[in-house]
């Protein structure tokens, strides 16, 4: 097996020497164990096949580090001037408009579920009842004299 592998490698070596223009006339290899002889005449006329596809570098590398070109990059654009202006616009709208005007809008929203209105109305009603000598709370929600009940038909 080892002799077969050596013979295979020797053939490849001779083929490489022949395709590169080296004279392979003087090269002769004899195996001591397998008694195989490789002569250059079998290899001289052969050429290695041309590769069908050549290696090309990626023209637009994906792992481009923006911090090498612009160490003060904010990550908005490759151009440093556009990057700074984009950062300023984002922070202006993010802080000035959203936080300041947004919190002002929330602060001046109308009364949610009218909790404040109902408390003010209850306070006015308590003051009215105290001023007129009426009890603050009654057991009847409605005036019983104004309710018309159906007559009993026994």
N, C-alpha and C. Protein backbone atom coordinates (compact mmCIF):
# COMPACT_ATOMS: atom_id res chain seq x y z
N UNK A 1 0.82 -1.19 0.00
CA UNK A 1 0.00 0.00 0.00
C UNK A 1 0.86 1.25 0.00
N UNK A 2 1.89 1.24 0.81
CA UNK A 2 2.77 2.40 0.88
C UNK A 2 3.46 2.63 -0.45
N UNK A 3 3.81 1.56 -1.11
CA UNK A 3 4.47 1.72 -2.41
C UNK A 3 3.51 2.32 -3.43
N UNK A 4 2.25 1.92 -3.35
CA UNK A 4 1.25 2.47 -4.26
C UNK A 4 1.06 3.97 -4.03
N UNK A 5 1.04 4.37 -2.76
CA UNK A 5 0.90 5.79 -2.46
C UNK A 5 2.13 6.56 -2.90
N UNK A 6 3.29 5.98 -2.70
CA UNK A 6 4.51 6.66 -3.13
C UNK A 6 4.53 6.81 -4.65
N UNK A 7 4.06 5.77 -5.33
CA UNK A 7 3.99 5.84 -6.78
C UNK A 7 3.02 6.92 -7.24
N UNK A 8 1.90 7.04 -6.55
CA UNK A 8 0.91 8.05 -6.90
C UNK A 8 1.48 9.45 -6.69
N UNK A 9 2.15 9.66 -5.55
CA UNK A 9 2.74 10.96 -5.29
C UNK A 9 3.87 11.28 -6.26
N UNK A 10 4.62 10.26 -6.64
CA UNK A 10 5.70 10.49 -7.60
C UNK A 10 5.14 10.90 -8.95
N UNK A 11 4.04 10.28 -9.35
CA UNK A 11 3.42 10.65 -10.63
C UNK A 11 2.93 12.10 -10.58
N UNK A 12 2.34 12.48 -9.47
CA UNK A 12 1.87 13.87 -9.33
C UNK A 12 3.04 14.84 -9.35
N UNK A 13 4.13 14.48 -8.72
CA UNK A 13 5.31 15.35 -8.70
C UNK A 13 5.87 15.51 -10.11
N UNK A 14 5.94 14.42 -10.83
CA UNK A 14 6.44 14.50 -12.21
C UNK A 14 5.49 15.29 -13.11
N UNK A 15 4.17 15.12 -12.90
CA UNK A 15 3.21 15.86 -13.70
C UNK A 15 3.32 17.35 -13.41
N UNK A 16 3.50 17.71 -12.17
CA UNK A 16 3.65 19.12 -11.81
C UNK A 16 4.92 19.69 -12.41
N UNK A 17 6.00 18.92 -12.39
CA UNK A 17 7.26 19.39 -12.96
C UNK A 17 7.13 19.55 -14.47
N UNK A 18 6.41 18.65 -15.12
CA UNK A 18 6.26 18.72 -16.57
C UNK A 18 5.38 19.90 -16.99
N UNK A 19 4.35 20.20 -16.23
CA UNK A 19 3.46 21.29 -16.62
C UNK A 19 4.09 22.65 -16.36
N UNK A 20 5.05 22.74 -15.47
CA UNK A 20 5.68 24.02 -15.18
C UNK A 20 6.88 24.28 -16.09
N UNK A 21 7.12 23.40 -16.98
CA UNK A 21 8.19 23.64 -17.94
C UNK A 21 9.54 23.09 -17.50
N UNK A 22 9.59 22.40 -16.39
CA UNK A 22 10.85 21.79 -15.97
C UNK A 22 11.09 20.54 -16.79
N UNK A 23 12.32 20.30 -17.00
CA UNK A 23 12.64 19.09 -17.75
C UNK A 23 12.52 17.89 -16.84
N UNK A 24 11.68 16.99 -17.22
CA UNK A 24 11.47 15.79 -16.42
C UNK A 24 12.26 14.62 -17.00
N UNK A 25 13.18 14.89 -17.93
CA UNK A 25 13.93 13.80 -18.56
C UNK A 25 14.84 13.10 -17.55
N UNK A 26 15.43 13.87 -16.71
CA UNK A 26 16.45 13.31 -15.82
C UNK A 26 15.85 12.64 -14.60
N UNK A 27 14.53 12.78 -14.38
CA UNK A 27 13.92 12.24 -13.17
C UNK A 27 13.47 10.81 -13.43
N UNK A 28 13.94 9.89 -12.62
CA UNK A 28 13.52 8.50 -12.70
C UNK A 28 13.46 7.97 -11.29
N UNK A 29 12.32 7.34 -10.96
CA UNK A 29 12.14 6.87 -9.59
C UNK A 29 11.87 5.39 -9.61
N UNK A 30 12.59 4.68 -8.75
CA UNK A 30 12.41 3.24 -8.63
C UNK A 30 12.01 2.91 -7.22
N UNK A 31 11.01 2.06 -7.10
CA UNK A 31 10.58 1.61 -5.79
C UNK A 31 11.36 0.38 -5.43
N UNK A 32 11.88 0.35 -4.22
CA UNK A 32 12.68 -0.81 -3.80
C UNK A 32 11.79 -1.96 -3.37
N UNK A 33 10.60 -1.68 -2.86
CA UNK A 33 9.77 -2.77 -2.35
C UNK A 33 8.84 -3.32 -3.42
N UNK A 34 8.27 -2.49 -4.25
CA UNK A 34 7.30 -2.97 -5.24
C UNK A 34 7.92 -3.15 -6.61
N UNK A 35 9.11 -2.79 -6.77
CA UNK A 35 9.82 -2.90 -8.05
C UNK A 35 9.11 -2.12 -9.15
N UNK A 36 8.49 -0.98 -8.78
CA UNK A 36 7.80 -0.17 -9.76
C UNK A 36 8.74 0.93 -10.23
N UNK A 37 8.68 1.22 -11.50
CA UNK A 37 9.52 2.26 -12.07
C UNK A 37 8.59 3.29 -12.72
N UNK A 38 8.84 4.54 -12.38
CA UNK A 38 8.06 5.61 -12.98
C UNK A 38 9.00 6.41 -13.87
N UNK A 39 8.71 6.40 -15.12
CA UNK A 39 9.55 7.10 -16.08
C UNK A 39 8.86 8.39 -16.47
N UNK A 40 9.62 9.41 -16.80
CA UNK A 40 9.03 10.68 -17.18
C UNK A 40 8.30 10.66 -18.50
N UNK A 41 8.51 9.69 -19.33
CA UNK A 41 7.87 9.68 -20.65
C UNK A 41 6.35 9.54 -20.55
N UNK A 42 5.86 8.89 -19.52
CA UNK A 42 4.42 8.73 -19.37
C UNK A 42 3.75 10.01 -18.90
N UNK A 43 4.51 10.92 -18.34
CA UNK A 43 3.93 12.10 -17.73
C UNK A 43 4.18 13.36 -18.54
N UNK A 44 5.15 13.37 -19.42
CA UNK A 44 5.60 14.58 -20.09
C UNK A 44 4.49 15.24 -20.90
N UNK A 45 3.68 14.51 -21.60
CA UNK A 45 2.68 15.10 -22.47
C UNK A 45 1.41 15.54 -21.76
N UNK A 46 1.24 15.18 -20.50
CA UNK A 46 0.00 15.48 -19.79
C UNK A 46 0.06 16.86 -19.14
N UNK A 47 -1.04 17.51 -19.14
CA UNK A 47 -1.15 18.82 -18.48
C UNK A 47 -2.29 18.77 -17.46
N UNK A 48 -2.15 19.59 -16.44
CA UNK A 48 -3.20 19.66 -15.42
C UNK A 48 -4.41 20.40 -16.00
N UNK A 49 -5.61 19.97 -15.65
CA UNK A 49 -6.80 20.67 -16.18
C UNK A 49 -6.89 22.08 -15.61
N UNK A 50 -7.39 22.98 -16.44
CA UNK A 50 -7.58 24.37 -16.03
C UNK A 50 -8.73 24.45 -15.02
N UNK A 51 -8.58 25.25 -14.02
CA UNK A 51 -9.72 25.40 -13.09
C UNK A 51 -10.87 26.13 -13.77
N UNK A 52 -12.07 25.64 -13.54
CA UNK A 52 -13.23 26.22 -14.21
C UNK A 52 -13.70 27.50 -13.52
N UNK A 53 -13.47 27.63 -12.23
CA UNK A 53 -13.92 28.82 -11.51
C UNK A 53 -12.76 29.37 -10.72
N UNK A 54 -12.53 30.66 -10.87
CA UNK A 54 -11.43 31.29 -10.15
C UNK A 54 -11.97 31.98 -8.91
N UNK A 55 -11.12 32.05 -7.91
CA UNK A 55 -11.48 32.68 -6.64
C UNK A 55 -11.50 34.19 -6.79
N UNK A 56 -12.55 34.81 -6.30
CA UNK A 56 -12.64 36.27 -6.35
C UNK A 56 -12.91 36.79 -4.94
N UNK A 57 -12.33 37.91 -4.64
CA UNK A 57 -12.59 38.55 -3.36
C UNK A 57 -13.96 39.23 -3.43
N UNK A 58 -14.63 39.30 -2.32
CA UNK A 58 -15.93 39.97 -2.25
C UNK A 58 -15.69 41.47 -2.38
N UNK A 59 -16.26 42.12 -3.40
CA UNK A 59 -16.00 43.55 -3.58
C UNK A 59 -16.61 44.42 -2.48
N UNK A 60 -17.66 43.93 -1.83
CA UNK A 60 -18.31 44.69 -0.77
C UNK A 60 -18.29 43.86 0.52
N UNK A 61 -17.22 43.98 1.29
CA UNK A 61 -17.15 43.14 2.50
C UNK A 61 -18.22 43.55 3.50
N UNK A 62 -18.84 42.52 4.14
CA UNK A 62 -19.94 42.78 5.06
C UNK A 62 -19.44 43.22 6.43
N UNK A 63 -18.25 42.82 6.79
CA UNK A 63 -17.75 43.09 8.13
C UNK A 63 -16.89 44.35 8.16
N UNK A 64 -17.33 45.39 7.49
CA UNK A 64 -16.57 46.63 7.47
C UNK A 64 -16.77 47.37 8.79
N UNK A 65 -15.70 47.75 9.42
CA UNK A 65 -15.76 48.43 10.70
C UNK A 65 -15.80 49.94 10.46
N UNK A 66 -16.92 50.58 10.83
CA UNK A 66 -17.06 52.02 10.60
C UNK A 66 -16.20 52.82 11.57
N UNK A 67 -15.85 52.22 12.71
CA UNK A 67 -15.07 52.96 13.71
C UNK A 67 -13.61 53.14 13.30
N UNK A 68 -13.13 52.35 12.32
CA UNK A 68 -11.76 52.56 11.83
C UNK A 68 -11.68 53.86 11.03
N UNK A 69 -12.69 54.13 10.22
CA UNK A 69 -12.70 55.36 9.41
C UNK A 69 -13.13 56.57 10.24
N UNK A 70 -14.14 56.39 11.08
CA UNK A 70 -14.68 57.49 11.88
C UNK A 70 -14.82 57.01 13.32
N UNK A 71 -13.84 57.31 14.19
CA UNK A 71 -13.93 56.80 15.56
C UNK A 71 -15.07 57.42 16.37
N UNK A 72 -15.61 58.56 15.93
CA UNK A 72 -16.72 59.19 16.62
C UNK A 72 -18.06 58.85 15.98
N UNK A 73 -18.14 57.70 15.31
CA UNK A 73 -19.35 57.33 14.59
C UNK A 73 -20.49 57.04 15.56
N UNK A 74 -21.70 57.47 15.17
CA UNK A 74 -22.90 57.20 15.95
C UNK A 74 -23.71 56.08 15.33
N UNK A 75 -23.29 55.58 14.17
CA UNK A 75 -23.93 54.44 13.55
C UNK A 75 -25.07 54.77 12.61
N UNK A 76 -25.24 56.02 12.22
CA UNK A 76 -26.33 56.38 11.33
C UNK A 76 -25.92 56.36 9.86
N UNK A 77 -24.65 56.70 9.56
CA UNK A 77 -24.22 56.77 8.16
C UNK A 77 -22.70 56.59 8.12
N UNK A 78 -22.18 56.25 6.92
CA UNK A 78 -20.73 56.10 6.76
C UNK A 78 -20.03 57.46 6.72
N UNK A 79 -20.69 58.45 6.15
CA UNK A 79 -20.12 59.79 6.05
C UNK A 79 -20.19 60.46 7.42
N UNK A 80 -19.05 60.98 7.95
CA UNK A 80 -19.07 61.57 9.30
C UNK A 80 -19.99 62.78 9.44
N UNK A 81 -20.08 63.62 8.40
CA UNK A 81 -20.94 64.81 8.49
C UNK A 81 -22.41 64.41 8.53
N UNK A 82 -22.81 63.52 7.66
CA UNK A 82 -24.20 63.05 7.64
C UNK A 82 -24.53 62.31 8.93
N UNK A 83 -23.55 61.57 9.45
CA UNK A 83 -23.74 60.83 10.69
C UNK A 83 -24.02 61.78 11.86
N UNK A 84 -23.27 62.87 11.96
CA UNK A 84 -23.47 63.83 13.05
C UNK A 84 -24.83 64.52 12.92
N UNK A 85 -25.21 64.91 11.69
CA UNK A 85 -26.49 65.60 11.52
C UNK A 85 -27.67 64.66 11.79
N UNK A 86 -27.54 63.40 11.38
CA UNK A 86 -28.61 62.43 11.68
C UNK A 86 -28.75 62.24 13.18
N UNK A 87 -27.61 62.17 13.89
CA UNK A 87 -27.65 62.03 15.34
C UNK A 87 -28.33 63.24 15.98
N UNK A 88 -28.02 64.43 15.51
CA UNK A 88 -28.62 65.64 16.07
C UNK A 88 -30.13 65.69 15.83
N UNK A 89 -30.56 65.30 14.64
CA UNK A 89 -31.98 65.29 14.32
C UNK A 89 -32.72 64.27 15.20
N UNK A 90 -32.14 63.09 15.34
CA UNK A 90 -32.78 62.05 16.15
C UNK A 90 -32.89 62.49 17.60
N UNK A 91 -31.84 63.07 18.14
CA UNK A 91 -31.89 63.49 19.54
C UNK A 91 -32.80 64.70 19.73
N UNK A 92 -32.86 65.59 18.74
CA UNK A 92 -33.78 66.73 18.85
C UNK A 92 -35.21 66.24 18.92
N UNK A 93 -35.60 65.40 17.95
CA UNK A 93 -36.97 64.92 17.95
C UNK A 93 -37.23 63.97 19.10
N UNK A 94 -36.22 63.18 19.47
CA UNK A 94 -36.42 62.21 20.55
C UNK A 94 -36.60 62.87 21.90
N UNK A 95 -35.80 63.88 22.20
CA UNK A 95 -35.88 64.50 23.52
C UNK A 95 -36.78 65.73 23.53
N UNK A 96 -36.54 66.66 22.62
CA UNK A 96 -37.29 67.91 22.65
C UNK A 96 -38.76 67.69 22.34
N UNK A 97 -39.04 67.04 21.26
CA UNK A 97 -40.42 66.91 20.83
C UNK A 97 -41.15 65.85 21.64
N UNK A 98 -40.61 64.65 21.69
CA UNK A 98 -41.33 63.55 22.32
C UNK A 98 -41.41 63.72 23.83
N UNK A 99 -40.29 63.95 24.49
CA UNK A 99 -40.32 64.02 25.95
C UNK A 99 -40.96 65.30 26.48
N UNK A 100 -40.56 66.45 25.97
CA UNK A 100 -41.08 67.71 26.50
C UNK A 100 -42.53 67.92 26.10
N UNK A 101 -42.82 67.88 24.82
CA UNK A 101 -44.19 68.11 24.38
C UNK A 101 -45.10 66.94 24.75
N UNK A 102 -44.56 65.72 24.75
CA UNK A 102 -45.37 64.57 25.15
C UNK A 102 -45.77 64.63 26.61
N UNK A 103 -44.83 64.99 27.49
CA UNK A 103 -45.19 65.10 28.91
C UNK A 103 -46.14 66.27 29.15
N UNK A 104 -46.00 67.37 28.41
CA UNK A 104 -46.95 68.48 28.53
C UNK A 104 -48.34 68.06 28.08
N UNK A 105 -48.42 67.31 27.02
CA UNK A 105 -49.72 66.81 26.53
C UNK A 105 -50.38 65.91 27.57
N UNK A 106 -49.60 65.00 28.15
CA UNK A 106 -50.15 64.09 29.16
C UNK A 106 -50.60 64.86 30.40
N UNK A 107 -49.84 65.89 30.78
CA UNK A 107 -50.19 66.66 31.97
C UNK A 107 -51.50 67.42 31.78
N UNK A 108 -51.80 67.85 30.57
CA UNK A 108 -53.01 68.64 30.32
C UNK A 108 -54.14 67.82 29.72
N UNK A 109 -54.09 66.52 29.83
CA UNK A 109 -55.20 65.70 29.36
C UNK A 109 -56.42 65.95 30.25
N UNK A 110 -57.62 65.80 29.71
CA UNK A 110 -58.80 65.99 30.54
C UNK A 110 -58.89 64.93 31.64
N UNK A 111 -59.79 65.18 32.58
CA UNK A 111 -59.96 64.30 33.74
C UNK A 111 -60.37 62.90 33.29
N UNK A 112 -59.57 61.93 33.67
CA UNK A 112 -59.85 60.55 33.27
C UNK A 112 -60.99 60.01 34.12
N UNK A 113 -62.02 59.53 33.50
CA UNK A 113 -63.22 58.96 34.12
C UNK A 113 -63.93 59.95 35.06
N UNK A 114 -63.60 61.21 34.91
CA UNK A 114 -64.27 62.29 35.62
C UNK A 114 -64.22 62.12 37.14
N UNK A 115 -63.11 61.64 37.68
CA UNK A 115 -62.95 61.47 39.13
C UNK A 115 -62.95 62.84 39.83
N UNK A 116 -62.19 63.79 39.28
CA UNK A 116 -62.11 65.11 39.91
C UNK A 116 -63.47 65.84 39.85
N UNK A 117 -64.16 65.71 38.74
CA UNK A 117 -65.48 66.36 38.60
C UNK A 117 -66.47 65.81 39.62
N UNK A 118 -66.49 64.48 39.77
CA UNK A 118 -67.44 63.88 40.71
C UNK A 118 -67.14 64.30 42.15
N UNK A 119 -65.88 64.46 42.51
CA UNK A 119 -65.53 64.93 43.86
C UNK A 119 -66.00 66.38 44.07
N UNK A 120 -65.79 67.23 43.07
CA UNK A 120 -66.24 68.63 43.19
C UNK A 120 -67.76 68.71 43.33
N UNK A 121 -68.48 67.91 42.57
CA UNK A 121 -69.95 67.90 42.66
C UNK A 121 -70.41 67.42 44.03
N UNK A 122 -69.73 66.39 44.57
CA UNK A 122 -70.11 65.89 45.90
C UNK A 122 -69.85 66.96 46.96
N UNK A 123 -68.76 67.70 46.86
CA UNK A 123 -68.47 68.76 47.83
C UNK A 123 -69.52 69.88 47.75
N UNK A 124 -69.93 70.23 46.53
CA UNK A 124 -70.97 71.26 46.37
C UNK A 124 -72.29 70.81 46.99
N UNK A 125 -72.62 69.53 46.79
CA UNK A 125 -73.87 69.00 47.34
C UNK A 125 -73.84 68.97 48.87
N UNK A 126 -72.69 68.63 49.47
CA UNK A 126 -72.56 68.61 50.93
C UNK A 126 -72.73 70.03 51.47
N UNK A 127 -72.13 71.04 50.84
CA UNK A 127 -72.26 72.43 51.29
C UNK A 127 -73.72 72.90 51.19
N UNK A 128 -74.39 72.52 50.12
CA UNK A 128 -75.80 72.91 49.94
C UNK A 128 -76.66 72.31 51.05
N UNK A 129 -76.48 71.00 51.34
CA UNK A 129 -77.30 70.33 52.35
C UNK A 129 -77.03 70.90 53.76
N UNK A 130 -75.76 71.19 54.04
CA UNK A 130 -75.44 71.76 55.35
C UNK A 130 -76.06 73.16 55.49
N UNK A 131 -76.02 73.92 54.42
CA UNK A 131 -76.57 75.29 54.46
C UNK A 131 -78.09 75.28 54.65
N UNK A 132 -78.80 74.29 54.11
CA UNK A 132 -80.26 74.22 54.20
C UNK A 132 -80.74 73.31 55.33
N UNK A 133 -79.85 72.78 56.14
CA UNK A 133 -80.24 71.97 57.27
C UNK A 133 -80.73 70.59 56.91
N UNK A 134 -80.40 70.07 55.79
CA UNK A 134 -80.79 68.72 55.37
C UNK A 134 -79.71 67.72 55.79
N UNK A 135 -80.11 66.46 55.94
CA UNK A 135 -79.07 65.46 56.24
C UNK A 135 -78.11 65.32 55.05
N UNK A 136 -76.86 65.02 55.36
CA UNK A 136 -75.85 64.92 54.27
C UNK A 136 -76.16 63.75 53.36
N UNK A 137 -76.56 62.61 53.97
CA UNK A 137 -76.90 61.42 53.16
C UNK A 137 -78.29 60.95 53.53
N UNK A 138 -79.02 60.48 52.57
CA UNK A 138 -80.35 59.92 52.78
C UNK A 138 -80.34 58.45 52.42
N UNK A 139 -81.24 57.73 52.97
CA UNK A 139 -81.35 56.31 52.64
C UNK A 139 -81.99 56.11 51.26
N UNK A 140 -82.80 57.08 50.86
CA UNK A 140 -83.45 57.01 49.55
C UNK A 140 -82.62 57.79 48.52
N UNK A 141 -82.34 57.14 47.44
CA UNK A 141 -81.60 57.83 46.37
C UNK A 141 -82.53 58.80 45.63
N UNK A 142 -83.83 58.46 45.55
CA UNK A 142 -84.81 59.30 44.87
C UNK A 142 -85.86 59.77 45.89
N UNK A 143 -86.51 60.86 45.58
CA UNK A 143 -87.57 61.37 46.45
C UNK A 143 -88.78 60.43 46.33
N UNK A 144 -89.22 59.80 47.44
CA UNK A 144 -90.31 58.84 47.34
C UNK A 144 -91.65 59.47 46.95
N UNK A 145 -91.82 60.75 47.17
CA UNK A 145 -93.10 61.38 46.81
C UNK A 145 -93.24 61.55 45.30
N UNK A 146 -92.14 61.50 44.60
CA UNK A 146 -92.19 61.69 43.14
C UNK A 146 -92.30 60.36 42.40
N UNK A 147 -92.17 59.26 43.09
CA UNK A 147 -92.23 57.95 42.42
C UNK A 147 -93.68 57.51 42.38
N UNK A 148 -94.17 57.13 41.22
CA UNK A 148 -95.53 56.64 41.05
C UNK A 148 -95.49 55.13 40.95
N UNK A 149 -96.08 54.47 41.93
CA UNK A 149 -96.11 53.02 41.97
C UNK A 149 -97.45 52.53 41.41
N UNK A 150 -97.46 51.36 40.81
CA UNK A 150 -98.74 50.82 40.33
C UNK A 150 -99.61 50.43 41.52
N UNK A 151 -100.95 50.51 41.33
CA UNK A 151 -101.89 50.18 42.39
C UNK A 151 -101.96 48.68 42.59
N UNK A 152 -102.23 48.31 43.84
CA UNK A 152 -102.35 46.89 44.16
C UNK A 152 -103.71 46.38 43.69
N UNK A 153 -103.77 45.31 43.02
CA UNK A 153 -105.02 44.71 42.51
C UNK A 153 -105.23 43.39 43.24
N UNK A 154 -105.63 43.46 44.49
CA UNK A 154 -105.91 42.24 45.27
C UNK A 154 -107.31 41.81 45.19
